[in-house]
Amino acid sequence: MNELLLAADGAAKEGLLWILVLLLVCFSAVHAGRLALLGWRAVKGASQGGSYEKQEDKPEKNEKPEKKPSPQGDEKHGEDEKQPAPVYLLVEKKRVKKKPKYEEPKRIDLKE
């Protein structure tokens, strides 16, 4: 590398210097942006719930606790329990390319 720097004239050294400066500027800009995003998310989370946890992780105060099944009522008729709705999946049939049917080759008689 020293041979390259010694052999290069002033313009090449200046270009190399500007490339290194540009690399450092881009590196610091990307990391500053990522840190700003992390800080913004932290402030946003702190202003909404007072902690850094996601809102979905904490149960709401308005939510009722789940009912525990009583040991006496093992046989329920389904009035209290909600049956999940059936899930229907749309399945497309795979289209198969039709294979061509080849006829038997025609015989050509050549007369000499």
PDB file of N, CA and C in Angstrom:
ATOM      1  N   MET A   1       0.829  -1.180   0.000  1.00  0.00           N
ATOM      2  CA  MET A   1       0.000   0.000   0.000  1.00  0.00           C
ATOM      3  C   MET A   1       0.880   1.253   0.000  1.00  0.00           C
ATOM      4  N   ASN A   2       2.004   1.156   0.687  1.00  0.00           N
ATOM      5  CA  ASN A   2       2.898   2.314   0.727  1.00  0.00           C
ATOM      6  C   ASN A   2       3.421   2.649  -0.658  1.00  0.00           C
ATOM      7  N   GLU A   3       3.672   1.611  -1.466  1.00  0.00           N
ATOM      8  CA  GLU A   3       4.156   1.870  -2.821  1.00  0.00           C
ATOM      9  C   GLU A   3       3.103   2.622  -3.632  1.00  0.00           C
ATOM     10  N   LEU A   4       1.844   2.266  -3.414  1.00  0.00           N
ATOM     11  CA  LEU A   4       0.777   2.950  -4.139  1.00  0.00           C
ATOM     12  C   LEU A   4       0.685   4.414  -3.727  1.00  0.00           C
ATOM     13  N   LEU A   5       0.800   4.664  -2.423  1.00  0.00           N
ATOM     14  CA  LEU A   5       0.703   6.034  -1.958  1.00  0.00           C
ATOM     15  C   LEU A   5       1.916   6.856  -2.389  1.00  0.00           C
ATOM     16  N   LEU A   6       3.097   6.223  -2.408  1.00  0.00           N
ATOM     17  CA  LEU A   6       4.290   6.946  -2.821  1.00  0.00           C
ATOM     18  C   LEU A   6       4.276   7.228  -4.312  1.00  0.00           C
ATOM     19  N   ALA A   7       3.749   6.270  -5.092  1.00  0.00           N
ATOM     20  CA  ALA A   7       3.741   6.432  -6.535  1.00  0.00           C
ATOM     21  C   ALA A   7       2.632   7.370  -7.001  1.00  0.00           C
ATOM     22  N   ALA A   8       1.593   7.507  -6.184  1.00  0.00           N
ATOM     23  CA  ALA A   8       0.454   8.332  -6.588  1.00  0.00           C
ATOM     24  C   ALA A   8       0.796   9.806  -6.428  1.00  0.00           C
ATOM     25  N   ASP A   9       0.224  10.604  -7.311  1.00  0.00           N
ATOM     26  CA  ASP A   9       0.451  12.041  -7.194  1.00  0.00           C
ATOM     27  C   ASP A   9      -0.545  12.643  -6.210  1.00  0.00           C
ATOM     28  N   GLY A  10      -0.586  13.927  -6.060  1.00  0.00           N
ATOM     29  CA  GLY A  10      -1.413  14.608  -5.073  1.00  0.00           C
ATOM     30  C   GLY A  10      -2.901  14.415  -5.271  1.00  0.00           C
ATOM     31  N   ALA A  11      -3.353  14.329  -6.536  1.00  0.00           N
ATOM     32  CA  ALA A  11      -4.788  14.196  -6.812  1.00  0.00           C
ATOM     33  C   ALA A  11      -5.306  12.844  -6.351  1.00  0.00           C
ATOM     34  N   ALA A  12      -4.509  11.800  -6.527  1.00  0.00           N
ATOM     35  CA  ALA A  12      -4.940  10.468  -6.111  1.00  0.00           C
ATOM     36  C   ALA A  12      -5.007  10.378  -4.592  1.00  0.00           C
ATOM     37  N   LYS A  13      -4.051  11.006  -3.916  1.00  0.00           N
ATOM     38  CA  LYS A  13      -4.078  10.998  -2.454  1.00  0.00           C
ATOM     39  C   LYS A  13      -5.293  11.765  -1.936  1.00  0.00           C
ATOM     40  N   GLU A  14      -5.608  12.858  -2.591  1.00  0.00           N
ATOM     41  CA  GLU A  14      -6.760  13.643  -2.182  1.00  0.00           C
ATOM     42  C   GLU A  14      -8.062  12.876  -2.414  1.00  0.00           C
ATOM     43  N   GLY A  15      -8.139  12.134  -3.510  1.00  0.00           N
ATOM     44  CA  GLY A  15      -9.321  11.323  -3.796  1.00  0.00           C
ATOM     45  C   GLY A  15      -9.503  10.219  -2.781  1.00  0.00           C
ATOM     46  N   LEU A  16      -8.409   9.585  -2.393  1.00  0.00           N
ATOM     47  CA  LEU A  16      -8.465   8.537  -1.382  1.00  0.00           C
ATOM     48  C   LEU A  16      -8.921   9.108  -0.045  1.00  0.00           C
ATOM     49  N   LEU A  17      -8.438  10.297   0.276  1.00  0.00           N
ATOM     50  CA  LEU A  17      -8.846  10.950   1.510  1.00  0.00           C
ATOM     51  C   LEU A  17     -10.350  11.239   1.510  1.00  0.00           C
ATOM     52  N   TRP A  18     -10.876  11.744   0.393  1.00  0.00           N
ATOM     53  CA  TRP A  18     -12.301  12.048   0.309  1.00  0.00           C
ATOM     54  C   TRP A  18     -13.152  10.780   0.353  1.00  0.00           C
ATOM     55  N   ILE A  19     -12.661   9.699  -0.182  1.00  0.00           N
ATOM     56  CA  ILE A  19     -13.400   8.430  -0.105  1.00  0.00           C
ATOM     57  C   ILE A  19     -13.500   7.977   1.341  1.00  0.00           C
ATOM     58  N   LEU A  20     -12.397   8.086   2.092  1.00  0.00           N
ATOM     59  CA  LEU A  20     -12.429   7.699   3.501  1.00  0.00           C
ATOM     60  C   LEU A  20     -13.351   8.611   4.310  1.00  0.00           C
ATOM     61  N   VAL A  21     -13.335   9.906   4.017  1.00  0.00           N
ATOM     62  CA  VAL A  21     -14.226  10.844   4.705  1.00  0.00           C
ATOM     63  C   VAL A  21     -15.686  10.499   4.406  1.00  0.00           C
ATOM     64  N   LEU A  22     -15.989  10.206   3.150  1.00  0.00           N
ATOM     65  CA  LEU A  22     -17.354   9.849   2.763  1.00  0.00           C
ATOM     66  C   LEU A  22     -17.800   8.563   3.454  1.00  0.00           C
ATOM     67  N   LEU A  23     -16.906   7.604   3.571  1.00  0.00           N
ATOM     68  CA  LEU A  23     -17.224   6.356   4.254  1.00  0.00           C
ATOM     69  C   LEU A  23     -17.549   6.619   5.721  1.00  0.00           C
ATOM     70  N   LEU A  24     -16.759   7.442   6.378  1.00  0.00           N
ATOM     71  CA  LEU A  24     -17.016   7.759   7.783  1.00  0.00           C
ATOM     72  C   LEU A  24     -18.322   8.528   7.966  1.00  0.00           C
ATOM     73  N   VAL A  25     -18.630   9.442   7.068  1.00  0.00           N
ATOM     74  CA  VAL A  25     -19.877  10.202   7.157  1.00  0.00           C
ATOM     75  C   VAL A  25     -21.085   9.276   6.989  1.00  0.00           C
ATOM     76  N   CYS A  26     -21.028   8.387   6.017  1.00  0.00           N
ATOM     77  CA  CYS A  26     -22.144   7.451   5.796  1.00  0.00           C
ATOM     78  C   CYS A  26     -22.301   6.503   6.980  1.00  0.00           C
ATOM     79  N   PHE A  27     -21.184   6.020   7.490  1.00  0.00           N
ATOM     80  CA  PHE A  27     -21.211   5.105   8.629  1.00  0.00           C
ATOM     81  C   PHE A  27     -21.865   5.775   9.831  1.00  0.00           C
ATOM     82  N   SER A  28     -21.456   7.009  10.126  1.00  0.00           N
ATOM     83  CA  SER A  28     -22.018   7.702  11.281  1.00  0.00           C
ATOM     84  C   SER A  28     -23.481   8.079  11.048  1.00  0.00           C
ATOM     85  N   ALA A  29     -23.868   8.411   9.814  1.00  0.00           N
ATOM     86  CA  ALA A  29     -25.255   8.771   9.521  1.00  0.00           C
ATOM     87  C   ALA A  29     -26.187   7.575   9.709  1.00  0.00           C
ATOM     88  N   VAL A  30     -25.764   6.422   9.264  1.00  0.00           N
ATOM     89  CA  VAL A  30     -26.598   5.229   9.406  1.00  0.00           C
ATOM     90  C   VAL A  30     -26.769   4.881  10.872  1.00  0.00           C
ATOM     91  N   HIS A  31     -25.685   4.928  11.641  1.00  0.00           N
ATOM     92  CA  HIS A  31     -25.788   4.574  13.048  1.00  0.00           C
ATOM     93  C   HIS A  31     -26.564   5.626  13.839  1.00  0.00           C
ATOM     94  N   ALA A  32     -26.431   6.874  13.474  1.00  0.00           N
ATOM     95  CA  ALA A  32     -27.219   7.914  14.140  1.00  0.00           C
ATOM     96  C   ALA A  32     -28.706   7.733  13.846  1.00  0.00           C
ATOM     97  N   GLY A  33     -29.039   7.374  12.636  1.00  0.00           N
ATOM     98  CA  GLY A  33     -30.438   7.122  12.282  1.00  0.00           C
ATOM     99  C   GLY A  33     -31.019   5.954  13.049  1.00  0.00           C
ATOM    100  N   ARG A  34     -30.248   4.886  13.181  1.00  0.00           N
ATOM    101  CA  ARG A  34     -30.741   3.720  13.918  1.00  0.00           C
ATOM    102  C   ARG A  34     -30.918   4.043  15.397  1.00  0.00           C
ATOM    103  N   LEU A  35     -29.977   4.793  15.973  1.00  0.00           N
ATOM    104  CA  LEU A  35     -30.120   5.179  17.373  1.00  0.00           C
ATOM    105  C   LEU A  35     -31.306   6.113  17.571  1.00  0.00           C
ATOM    106  N   ALA A  36     -31.546   6.990  16.622  1.00  0.00           N
ATOM    107  CA  ALA A  36     -32.701   7.886  16.715  1.00  0.00           C
ATOM    108  C   ALA A  36     -33.997   7.092  16.652  1.00  0.00           C
ATOM    109  N   LEU A  37     -34.043   6.084  15.818  1.00  0.00           N
ATOM    110  CA  LEU A  37     -35.239   5.244  15.716  1.00  0.00           C
ATOM    111  C   LEU A  37     -35.481   4.488  17.016  1.00  0.00           C
ATOM    112  N   LEU A  38     -34.413   3.937  17.598  1.00  0.00           N
ATOM    113  CA  LEU A  38     -34.570   3.239  18.870  1.00  0.00           C
ATOM    114  C   LEU A  38     -35.045   4.192  19.964  1.00  0.00           C
ATOM    115  N   GLY A  39     -34.497   5.393  19.992  1.00  0.00           N
ATOM    116  CA  GLY A  39     -34.925   6.375  20.981  1.00  0.00           C
ATOM    117  C   GLY A  39     -36.366   6.801  20.783  1.00  0.00           C
ATOM    118  N   TRP A  40     -36.765   6.968  19.541  1.00  0.00           N
ATOM    119  CA  TRP A  40     -38.148   7.371  19.244  1.00  0.00           C
ATOM    120  C   TRP A  40     -39.126   6.299  19.697  1.00  0.00           C
ATOM    121  N   ARG A  41     -38.763   5.041  19.449  1.00  0.00           N
ATOM    122  CA  ARG A  41     -39.635   3.947  19.886  1.00  0.00           C
ATOM    123  C   ARG A  41     -39.717   3.895  21.402  1.00  0.00           C
ATOM    124  N   ALA A  42     -38.600   4.147  22.084  1.00  0.00           N
ATOM    125  CA  ALA A  42     -38.593   4.120  23.548  1.00  0.00           C
ATOM    126  C   ALA A  42     -39.455   5.249  24.104  1.00  0.00           C
ATOM    127  N   VAL A  43     -39.339   6.436  23.533  1.00  0.00           N
ATOM    128  CA  VAL A  43     -40.132   7.570  24.009  1.00  0.00           C
ATOM    129  C   VAL A  43     -41.602   7.338  23.705  1.00  0.00           C
ATOM    130  N   LYS A  44     -41.896   6.795  22.559  1.00  0.00           N
ATOM    131  CA  LYS A  44     -43.285   6.516  22.185  1.00  0.00           C
ATOM    132  C   LYS A  44     -43.890   5.492  23.139  1.00  0.00           C
ATOM    133  N   GLY A  45     -43.121   4.449  23.479  1.00  0.00           N
ATOM    134  CA  GLY A  45     -43.608   3.433  24.408  1.00  0.00           C
ATOM    135  C   GLY A  45     -43.754   3.980  25.807  1.00  0.00           C
ATOM    136  N   ALA A  46     -42.856   4.886  26.223  1.00  0.00           N
ATOM    137  CA  ALA A  46     -42.924   5.450  27.570  1.00  0.00           C
ATOM    138  C   ALA A  46     -44.108   6.388  27.695  1.00  0.00           C
ATOM    139  N   SER A  47     -44.443   7.115  26.654  1.00  0.00           N
ATOM    140  CA  SER A  47     -45.555   8.058  26.745  1.00  0.00           C
ATOM    141  C   SER A  47     -46.894   7.341  26.722  1.00  0.00           C
ATOM    142  N   GLN A  48     -46.969   6.182  26.129  1.00  0.00           N
ATOM    143  CA  GLN A  48     -48.246   5.474  26.059  1.00  0.00           C
ATOM    144  C   GLN A  48     -48.517   4.643  27.301  1.00  0.00           C
ATOM    145  N   GLY A  49     -47.524   3.881  27.731  1.00  0.00           N
ATOM    146  CA  GLY A  49     -47.803   2.967  28.831  1.00  0.00           C
ATOM    147  C   GLY A  49     -46.902   3.137  30.023  1.00  0.00           C
ATOM    148  N   GLY A  50     -45.875   3.952  29.947  1.00  0.00           N
ATOM    149  CA  GLY A  50     -45.002   4.163  31.069  1.00  0.00           C
ATOM    150  C   GLY A  50     -43.867   3.158  31.146  1.00  0.00           C
ATOM    151  N   SER A  51     -43.793   2.235  30.205  1.00  0.00           N
ATOM    152  CA  SER A  51     -42.686   1.292  30.196  1.00  0.00           C
ATOM    153  C   SER A  51     -42.319   0.982  28.763  1.00  0.00           C
ATOM    154  N   TYR A  52     -41.235   0.245  28.626  1.00  0.00           N
ATOM    155  CA  TYR A  52     -40.731  -0.051  27.291  1.00  0.00           C
ATOM    156  C   TYR A  52     -41.350  -1.303  26.699  1.00  0.00           C
ATOM    157  N   GLU A  53     -42.220  -1.990  27.425  1.00  0.00           N
ATOM    158  CA  GLU A  53     -42.825  -3.216  26.924  1.00  0.00           C
ATOM    159  C   GLU A  53     -43.877  -2.890  25.878  1.00  0.00           C
ATOM    160  N   LYS A  54     -44.137  -3.863  25.062  1.00  0.00           N
ATOM    161  CA  LYS A  54     -45.187  -3.677  24.058  1.00  0.00           C
ATOM    162  C   LYS A  54     -46.542  -3.613  24.745  1.00  0.00           C
ATOM    163  N   GLN A  55     -47.455  -2.906  24.133  1.00  0.00           N
ATOM    164  CA  GLN A  55     -48.780  -2.720  24.696  1.00  0.00           C
ATOM    165  C   GLN A  55     -49.535  -4.047  24.740  1.00  0.00           C
ATOM    166  N   GLU A  56     -49.269  -4.955  23.801  1.00  0.00           N
ATOM    167  CA  GLU A  56     -50.016  -6.202  23.729  1.00  0.00           C
ATOM    168  C   GLU A  56     -49.609  -7.154  24.847  1.00  0.00           C
ATOM    169  N   ASP A  57     -48.408  -6.988  25.406  1.00  0.00           N
ATOM    170  CA  ASP A  57     -47.949  -7.896  26.439  1.00  0.00           C
ATOM    171  C   ASP A  57     -48.696  -7.704  27.753  1.00  0.00           C
ATOM    172  N   LYS A  58     -49.154  -6.472  28.018  1.00  0.00           N
ATOM    173  CA  LYS A  58     -49.823  -6.191  29.278  1.00  0.00           C
ATOM    174  C   LYS A  58     -51.327  -6.355  29.110  1.00  0.00           C
ATOM    175  N   PRO A  59     -51.991  -6.988  30.069  1.00  0.00           N
ATOM    176  CA  PRO A  59     -53.452  -7.085  29.974  1.00  0.00           C
ATOM    177  C   PRO A  59     -54.087  -5.745  30.299  1.00  0.00           C
ATOM    178  N   GLU A  60     -55.154  -5.457  29.644  1.00  0.00           N
ATOM    179  CA  GLU A  60     -55.901  -4.217  29.860  1.00  0.00           C
ATOM    180  C   GLU A  60     -56.625  -4.285  31.203  1.00  0.00           C
ATOM    181  N   LYS A  61     -56.867  -3.125  31.816  1.00  0.00           N
ATOM    182  CA  LYS A  61     -57.600  -3.090  33.081  1.00  0.00           C
ATOM    183  C   LYS A  61     -59.064  -3.411  32.866  1.00  0.00           C
ATOM    184  N   ASN A  62     -59.576  -3.103  31.679  1.00  0.00           N
ATOM    185  CA  ASN A  62     -60.997  -3.327  31.388  1.00  0.00           C
ATOM    186  C   ASN A  62     -61.306  -4.777  31.078  1.00  0.00           C
ATOM    187  N   GLU A  63     -60.269  -5.559  30.767  1.00  0.00           N
ATOM    188  CA  GLU A  63     -60.503  -6.954  30.404  1.00  0.00           C
ATOM    189  C   GLU A  63     -60.889  -7.747  31.641  1.00  0.00           C
ATOM    190  N   LYS A  64     -61.810  -8.680  31.446  1.00  0.00           N
ATOM    191  CA  LYS A  64     -62.223  -9.542  32.541  1.00  0.00           C
ATOM    192  C   LYS A  64     -61.310 -10.755  32.564  1.00  0.00           C
ATOM    193  N   PRO A  65     -60.972 -11.245  33.737  1.00  0.00           N
ATOM    194  CA  PRO A  65     -60.149 -12.452  33.796  1.00  0.00           C
ATOM    195  C   PRO A  65     -60.927 -13.639  33.250  1.00  0.00           C
ATOM    196  N   GLU A  66     -60.188 -14.576  32.700  1.00  0.00           N
ATOM    197  CA  GLU A  66     -60.838 -15.745  32.105  1.00  0.00           C
ATOM    198  C   GLU A  66     -61.503 -16.577  33.195  1.00  0.00           C
ATOM    199  N   LYS A  67     -62.634 -17.144  32.844  1.00  0.00           N
ATOM    200  CA  LYS A  67     -63.356 -17.982  33.795  1.00  0.00           C
ATOM    201  C   LYS A  67     -62.680 -19.342  33.863  1.00  0.00           C
ATOM    202  N   LYS A  68     -62.451 -19.776  35.078  1.00  0.00           N
ATOM    203  CA  LYS A  68     -61.864 -21.099  35.261  1.00  0.00           C
ATOM    204  C   LYS A  68     -63.000 -22.109  35.312  1.00  0.00           C
ATOM    205  N   PRO A  69     -62.829 -23.235  34.633  1.00  0.00           N
ATOM    206  CA  PRO A  69     -63.906 -24.237  34.658  1.00  0.00           C
ATOM    207  C   PRO A  69     -64.061 -24.808  36.057  1.00  0.00           C
ATOM    208  N   SER A  70     -65.303 -24.909  36.462  1.00  0.00           N
ATOM    209  CA  SER A  70     -65.572 -25.466  37.795  1.00  0.00           C
ATOM    210  C   SER A  70     -65.464 -26.983  37.723  1.00  0.00           C
ATOM    211  N   PRO A  71     -65.040 -27.604  38.813  1.00  0.00           N
ATOM    212  CA  PRO A  71     -64.903 -29.063  38.792  1.00  0.00           C
ATOM    213  C   PRO A  71     -66.244 -29.773  38.682  1.00  0.00           C
ATOM    214  N   GLN A  72     -67.342 -29.114  39.055  1.00  0.00           N
ATOM    215  CA  GLN A  72     -68.643 -29.772  39.002  1.00  0.00           C
ATOM    216  C   GLN A  72     -69.192 -29.795  37.583  1.00  0.00           C
ATOM    217  N   GLY A  73     -68.973 -28.761  36.838  1.00  0.00           N
ATOM    218  CA  GLY A  73     -69.613 -28.633  35.531  1.00  0.00           C
ATOM    219  C   GLY A  73     -68.744 -29.146  34.398  1.00  0.00           C
ATOM    220  N   ASP A  74     -68.354 -30.407  34.438  1.00  0.00           N
ATOM    221  CA  ASP A  74     -67.546 -30.967  33.356  1.00  0.00           C
ATOM    222  C   ASP A  74     -68.348 -31.110  32.073  1.00  0.00           C
ATOM    223  N   GLU A  75     -69.636 -31.350  32.196  1.00  0.00           N
ATOM    224  CA  GLU A  75     -70.470 -31.525  31.006  1.00  0.00           C
ATOM    225  C   GLU A  75     -71.207 -30.223  30.715  1.00  0.00           C
ATOM    226  N   LYS A  76     -70.655 -29.424  29.850  1.00  0.00           N
ATOM    227  CA  LYS A  76     -71.310 -28.179  29.457  1.00  0.00           C
ATOM    228  C   LYS A  76     -71.999 -28.392  28.125  1.00  0.00           C
ATOM    229  N   HIS A  77     -73.067 -27.673  27.943  1.00  0.00           N
ATOM    230  CA  HIS A  77     -73.833 -27.822  26.709  1.00  0.00           C
ATOM    231  C   HIS A  77     -73.374 -26.868  25.636  1.00  0.00           C
ATOM    232  N   GLY A  78     -72.349 -26.093  25.891  1.00  0.00           N
ATOM    233  CA  GLY A  78     -71.821 -25.205  24.867  1.00  0.00           C
ATOM    234  C   GLY A  78     -72.379 -23.810  24.916  1.00  0.00           C
ATOM    235  N   GLU A  79     -73.182 -23.485  25.909  1.00  0.00           N
ATOM    236  CA  GLU A  79     -73.748 -22.146  25.986  1.00  0.00           C
ATOM    237  C   GLU A  79     -72.684 -21.130  26.406  1.00  0.00           C
ATOM    238  N   ASP A  80     -71.862 -21.499  27.378  1.00  0.00           N
ATOM    239  CA  ASP A  80     -70.849 -20.574  27.877  1.00  0.00           C
ATOM    240  C   ASP A  80     -69.618 -20.535  26.973  1.00  0.00           C
ATOM    241  N   GLU A  81     -69.305 -21.649  26.372  1.00  0.00           N
ATOM    242  CA  GLU A  81     -68.113 -21.705  25.527  1.00  0.00           C
ATOM    243  C   GLU A  81     -68.451 -21.246  24.116  1.00  0.00           C
ATOM    244  N   LYS A  82     -67.548 -20.503  23.548  1.00  0.00           N
ATOM    245  CA  LYS A  82     -67.737 -20.069  22.163  1.00  0.00           C
ATOM    246  C   LYS A  82     -67.050 -21.066  21.239  1.00  0.00           C
ATOM    247  N   GLN A  83     -67.797 -21.553  20.302  1.00  0.00           N
ATOM    248  CA  GLN A  83     -67.236 -22.469  19.326  1.00  0.00           C
ATOM    249  C   GLN A  83     -66.486 -21.662  18.278  1.00  0.00           C
ATOM    250  N   PRO A  84     -65.264 -22.034  17.965  1.00  0.00           N
ATOM    251  CA  PRO A  84     -64.549 -21.281  16.932  1.00  0.00           C
ATOM    252  C   PRO A  84     -65.216 -21.489  15.580  1.00  0.00           C
ATOM    253  N   ALA A  85     -65.200 -20.433  14.807  1.00  0.00           N
ATOM    254  CA  ALA A  85     -65.795 -20.514  13.475  1.00  0.00           C
ATOM    255  C   ALA A  85     -64.946 -21.427  12.604  1.00  0.00           C
ATOM    256  N   PRO A  86     -65.578 -22.204  11.746  1.00  0.00           N
ATOM    257  CA  PRO A  86     -64.787 -23.084  10.886  1.00  0.00           C
ATOM    258  C   PRO A  86     -63.941 -22.274   9.916  1.00  0.00           C
ATOM    259  N   VAL A  87     -62.778 -22.798   9.626  1.00  0.00           N
ATOM    260  CA  VAL A  87     -61.847 -22.128   8.722  1.00  0.00           C
ATOM    261  C   VAL A  87     -61.924 -22.819   7.378  1.00  0.00           C
ATOM    262  N   TYR A  88     -62.143 -22.021   6.348  1.00  0.00           N
ATOM    263  CA  TYR A  88     -62.209 -22.560   5.005  1.00  0.00           C
ATOM    264  C   TYR A  88     -60.981 -22.107   4.242  1.00  0.00           C
ATOM    265  N   LEU A  89     -60.321 -23.026   3.629  1.00  0.00           N
ATOM    266  CA  LEU A  89     -59.130 -22.716   2.855  1.00  0.00           C
ATOM    267  C   LEU A  89     -59.441 -22.851   1.379  1.00  0.00           C
ATOM    268  N   LEU A  90     -59.002 -21.885   0.614  1.00  0.00           N
ATOM    269  CA  LEU A  90     -59.161 -21.963  -0.831  1.00  0.00           C
ATOM    270  C   LEU A  90     -57.932 -22.637  -1.402  1.00  0.00           C
ATOM    271  N   VAL A  91     -58.155 -23.733  -2.045  1.00  0.00           N
ATOM    272  CA  VAL A  91     -57.042 -24.489  -2.606  1.00  0.00           C
ATOM    273  C   VAL A  91     -57.233 -24.549  -4.112  1.00  0.00           C
ATOM    274  N   GLU A  92     -56.225 -24.097  -4.802  1.00  0.00           N
ATOM    275  CA  GLU A  92     -56.291 -24.165  -6.253  1.00  0.00           C
ATOM    276  C   GLU A  92     -55.659 -25.457  -6.720  1.00  0.00           C
ATOM    277  N   LYS A  93     -56.292 -26.032  -7.701  1.00  0.00           N
ATOM    278  CA  LYS A  93     -55.770 -27.263  -8.247  1.00  0.00           C
ATOM    279  C   LYS A  93     -54.568 -26.945  -9.114  1.00  0.00           C
ATOM    280  N   LYS A  94     -53.554 -27.732  -8.985  1.00  0.00           N
ATOM    281  CA  LYS A  94     -52.361 -27.508  -9.780  1.00  0.00           C
ATOM    282  C   LYS A  94     -52.665 -27.857 -11.226  1.00  0.00           C
ATOM    283  N   ARG A  95     -52.342 -26.917 -12.089  1.00  0.00           N
ATOM    284  CA  ARG A  95     -52.610 -27.145 -13.501  1.00  0.00           C
ATOM    285  C   ARG A  95     -51.450 -27.916 -14.101  1.00  0.00           C
ATOM    286  N   VAL A  96     -51.796 -29.016 -14.690  1.00  0.00           N
ATOM    287  CA  VAL A  96     -50.778 -29.878 -15.285  1.00  0.00           C
ATOM    288  C   VAL A  96     -50.767 -29.630 -16.780  1.00  0.00           C
ATOM    289  N   LYS A  97     -49.608 -29.412 -17.291  1.00  0.00           N
ATOM    290  CA  LYS A  97     -49.479 -29.198 -18.725  1.00  0.00           C
ATOM    291  C   LYS A  97     -49.717 -30.533 -19.437  1.00  0.00           C
ATOM    292  N   LYS A  98     -50.606 -30.483 -20.415  1.00  0.00           N
ATOM    293  CA  LYS A  98     -50.925 -31.716 -21.125  1.00  0.00           C
ATOM    294  C   LYS A  98     -49.735 -32.160 -21.958  1.00  0.00           C
ATOM    295  N   LYS A  99     -49.454 -33.419 -21.844  1.00  0.00           N
ATOM    296  CA  LYS A  99     -48.359 -33.969 -22.628  1.00  0.00           C
ATOM    297  C   LYS A  99     -48.861 -34.213 -24.049  1.00  0.00           C
ATOM    298  N   PRO A 100     -48.069 -33.829 -25.018  1.00  0.00           N
ATOM    299  CA  PRO A 100     -48.513 -34.055 -26.398  1.00  0.00           C
ATOM    300  C   PRO A 100     -48.508 -35.549 -26.730  1.00  0.00           C
ATOM    301  N   LYS A 101     -49.501 -35.920 -27.511  1.00  0.00           N
ATOM    302  CA  LYS A 101     -49.571 -37.315 -27.939  1.00  0.00           C
ATOM    303  C   LYS A 101     -48.943 -37.409 -29.328  1.00  0.00           C
ATOM    304  N   TYR A 102     -47.924 -38.166 -29.410  1.00  0.00           N
ATOM    305  CA  TYR A 102     -47.222 -38.323 -30.674  1.00  0.00           C
ATOM    306  C   TYR A 102     -47.776 -39.537 -31.409  1.00  0.00           C
ATOM    307  N   GLU A 103     -47.981 -39.341 -32.694  1.00  0.00           N
ATOM    308  CA  GLU A 103     -48.410 -40.469 -33.520  1.00  0.00           C
ATOM    309  C   GLU A 103     -47.173 -41.239 -33.949  1.00  0.00           C
ATOM    310  N   GLU A 104     -47.443 -42.385 -34.467  1.00  0.00           N
ATOM    311  CA  GLU A 104     -46.324 -43.179 -34.948  1.00  0.00           C
ATOM    312  C   GLU A 104     -45.734 -42.484 -36.176  1.00  0.00           C
ATOM    313  N   PRO A 105     -44.433 -42.437 -36.298  1.00  0.00           N
ATOM    314  CA  PRO A 105     -43.826 -41.710 -37.407  1.00  0.00           C
ATOM    315  C   PRO A 105     -44.232 -42.309 -38.760  1.00  0.00           C
ATOM    316  N   LYS A 106     -44.397 -41.417 -39.726  1.00  0.00           N
ATOM    317  CA  LYS A 106     -44.765 -41.871 -41.062  1.00  0.00           C
ATOM    318  C   LYS A 106     -43.527 -42.466 -41.732  1.00  0.00           C
ATOM    319  N   ARG A 107     -43.774 -43.482 -42.456  1.00  0.00           N
ATOM    320  CA  ARG A 107     -42.674 -44.150 -43.154  1.00  0.00           C
ATOM    321  C   ARG A 107     -42.534 -43.550 -44.527  1.00  0.00           C
ATOM    322  N   ILE A 108     -41.354 -43.155 -44.871  1.00  0.00           N
ATOM    323  CA  ILE A 108     -41.095 -42.573 -46.181  1.00  0.00           C
ATOM    324  C   ILE A 108     -40.202 -43.535 -46.942  1.00  0.00           C
ATOM    325  N   ASP A 109     -40.710 -43.917 -48.106  1.00  0.00           N
ATOM    326  CA  ASP A 109     -39.911 -44.822 -48.957  1.00  0.00           C
ATOM    327  C   ASP A 109     -39.202 -43.994 -49.999  1.00  0.00           C
ATOM    328  N   LEU A 110     -37.909 -44.143 -50.062  1.00  0.00           N
ATOM    329  CA  LEU A 110     -37.110 -43.446 -51.052  1.00  0.00           C
ATOM    330  C   LEU A 110     -36.766 -44.423 -52.182  1.00  0.00           C
ATOM    331  N   LYS A 111     -37.000 -43.970 -53.379  1.00  0.00           N
ATOM    332  CA  LYS A 111     -36.677 -44.818 -54.542  1.00  0.00           C
ATOM    333  C   LYS A 111     -35.357 -44.355 -55.127  1.00  0.00           C
ATOM    334  N   GLU A 112     -34.501 -45.276 -55.329  1.00  0.00           N
ATOM    335  CA  GLU A 112     -33.203 -44.914 -55.912  1.00  0.00           C
ATOM    336  C   GLU A 112     -33.150 -45.202 -57.366  1.00  0.00           C
TER     337      GLU A 112
END
